[in-house]
C-alpha atoms as a PDB file:
ATOM      1  CA  MET A   1       1.079  -7.988 -15.073  1.00  0.00           C
ATOM      2  CA  SER A   2      -0.757  -8.285 -11.760  1.00  0.00           C
ATOM      3  CA  ALA A   3      -4.026 -10.130 -11.341  1.00  0.00           C
ATOM      4  CA  VAL A   4      -7.106  -7.960 -11.225  1.00  0.00           C
ATOM      5  CA  PRO A   5      -9.705  -9.047  -8.654  1.00  0.00           C
ATOM      6  CA  PRO A   6     -13.232  -9.691  -9.907  1.00  0.00           C
ATOM      7  CA  PHE A   7     -15.342  -6.561 -10.186  1.00  0.00           C
ATOM      8  CA  ASN A   8     -17.903  -7.961  -7.752  1.00  0.00           C
ATOM      9  CA  THR A   9     -15.333  -8.447  -4.950  1.00  0.00           C
ATOM     10  CA  ARG A  10     -16.548  -6.931  -1.689  1.00  0.00           C
ATOM     11  CA  TYR A  11     -14.022  -4.743   0.110  1.00  0.00           C
ATOM     12  CA  LEU A  12     -14.170  -4.049   3.841  1.00  0.00           C
ATOM     13  CA  THR A  13     -12.783  -1.104   5.787  1.00  0.00           C
ATOM     14  CA  GLU A  14     -10.230  -1.271   8.588  1.00  0.00           C
ATOM     15  CA  LEU A  15     -12.992  -0.732  11.132  1.00  0.00           C
ATOM     16  CA  GLU A  16     -15.099  -3.572   9.711  1.00  0.00           C
ATOM     17  CA  ILE A  17     -12.134  -5.968   9.683  1.00  0.00           C
ATOM     18  CA  ALA A  18     -10.995  -4.994  13.180  1.00  0.00           C
ATOM     19  CA  ASP A  19     -14.526  -5.513  14.488  1.00  0.00           C
ATOM     20  CA  HIS A  20     -14.843  -8.865  12.705  1.00  0.00           C
ATOM     21  CA  LEU A  21     -11.516 -10.104  14.109  1.00  0.00           C
ATOM     22  CA  GLY A  22     -12.060  -8.614  17.561  1.00  0.00           C
ATOM     23  CA  VAL A  23      -8.904  -6.502  17.468  1.00  0.00           C
ATOM     24  CA  SER A  24      -8.288  -2.758  17.530  1.00  0.00           C
ATOM     25  CA  VAL A  25      -7.719  -0.757  14.365  1.00  0.00           C
ATOM     26  CA  SER A  26      -4.223   0.099  15.650  1.00  0.00           C
ATOM     27  CA  CYS A  27      -3.471  -3.635  15.997  1.00  0.00           C
ATOM     28  CA  LEU A  28      -4.643  -4.209  12.435  1.00  0.00           C
ATOM     29  CA  ARG A  29      -2.436  -1.336  11.239  1.00  0.00           C
ATOM     30  CA  ARG A  30       0.568  -2.767  13.101  1.00  0.00           C
ATOM     31  CA  TRP A  31      -0.042  -6.170  11.483  1.00  0.00           C
ATOM     32  CA  ARG A  32      -0.164  -4.448   8.113  1.00  0.00           C
ATOM     33  CA  THR A  33       3.205  -2.714   8.609  1.00  0.00           C
ATOM     34  CA  GLU A  34       4.696  -5.996   9.854  1.00  0.00           C
ATOM     35  CA  ARG A  35       3.143  -7.814   6.854  1.00  0.00           C
ATOM     36  CA  ARG A  36       1.532 -10.456   9.052  1.00  0.00           C
ATOM     37  CA  GLY A  37      -2.145  -9.579   8.864  1.00  0.00           C
ATOM     38  CA  PRO A  38      -4.776 -10.235   6.230  1.00  0.00           C
ATOM     39  CA  PRO A  39      -4.076  -9.192   2.630  1.00  0.00           C
ATOM     40  CA  PHE A  40      -5.139  -5.654   1.777  1.00  0.00           C
ATOM     41  CA  THR A  41      -5.488  -3.378  -1.215  1.00  0.00           C
ATOM     42  CA  LYS A  42      -4.697   0.322  -1.373  1.00  0.00           C
ATOM     43  CA  ILE A  43      -7.058   2.437  -3.436  1.00  0.00           C
ATOM     44  CA  SER A  44      -5.357   5.816  -3.516  1.00  0.00           C
ATOM     45  CA  THR A  45      -4.945   6.532   0.223  1.00  0.00           C
ATOM     46  CA  LEU A  46      -7.700   4.133   1.274  1.00  0.00           C
ATOM     47  CA  VAL A  47      -6.874   0.721   2.714  1.00  0.00           C
ATOM     48  CA  ARG A  48      -9.419  -1.957   1.923  1.00  0.00           C
ATOM     49  CA  TYR A  49      -9.555  -5.672   2.607  1.00  0.00           C
ATOM     50  CA  PRO A  50     -11.042  -8.028  -0.009  1.00  0.00           C
ATOM     51  CA  LEU A  51     -13.548 -10.252   1.799  1.00  0.00           C
ATOM     52  CA  ASN A  52     -12.605 -13.387  -0.142  1.00  0.00           C
ATOM     53  CA  GLU A  53      -8.913 -12.923   0.730  1.00  0.00           C
ATOM     54  CA  LEU A  54      -9.770 -12.327   4.395  1.00  0.00           C
ATOM     55  CA  GLU A  55     -11.649 -15.628   4.501  1.00  0.00           C
ATOM     56  CA  ALA A  56      -8.712 -17.420   2.853  1.00  0.00           C
ATOM     57  CA  TRP A  57      -6.263 -15.828   5.329  1.00  0.00           C
ATOM     58  CA  ILE A  58      -8.383 -16.905   8.307  1.00  0.00           C
ATOM     59  CA  ALA A  59      -8.486 -20.460   6.935  1.00  0.00           C
ATOM     60  CA  THR A  60      -4.668 -20.594   6.988  1.00  0.00           C
ATOM     61  CA  LEU A  61      -4.356 -19.643  10.664  1.00  0.00           C
ATOM     62  CA  PRO A  62      -3.410 -22.353  13.154  1.00  0.00           C
ATOM     63  CA  LYS A  63      -6.289 -23.953  14.989  1.00  0.00           C
ATOM     64  CA  GLY A  64      -6.174 -24.364  18.755  1.00  0.00           C
ATOM     65  CA  GLY A  65      -7.876 -26.621  21.241  1.00  0.00           C
ATOM     66  CA  GLU A  66      -7.378 -29.836  19.340  1.00  0.00           C
ATOM     67  CA  GLN A  67      -5.221 -32.379  21.087  1.00  0.00           C
ATOM     68  CA  GLU A  68      -3.419 -35.040  19.160  1.00  0.00           C
ATOM     69  CA  ARG A  69      -4.587 -38.499  20.144  1.00  0.00           C
ATOM     70  CA  ARG A  70      -1.918 -40.455  21.947  1.00  0.00           C
ATOM     71  CA  ARG A  71      -1.246 -44.000  20.888  1.00  0.00           C
ATOM     72  CA  THR A  72      -1.007 -46.300  23.880  1.00  0.00           C
END
């Protein structure tokens, strides 16, 4: 039995997610087929992205710009 998301979960469209991430819709679609992008849900033929899962996915991405302090 799969978990059912809360009824009040907000779902975003491909266009909204692509805009939020600063990528093209085609890039988002490629990520989806490669299973490396944010989690999504299919509702019939519609692809939707749960906002709470998008935020969790972003939090797992590597962070850049931080240098490890060298011990001297």
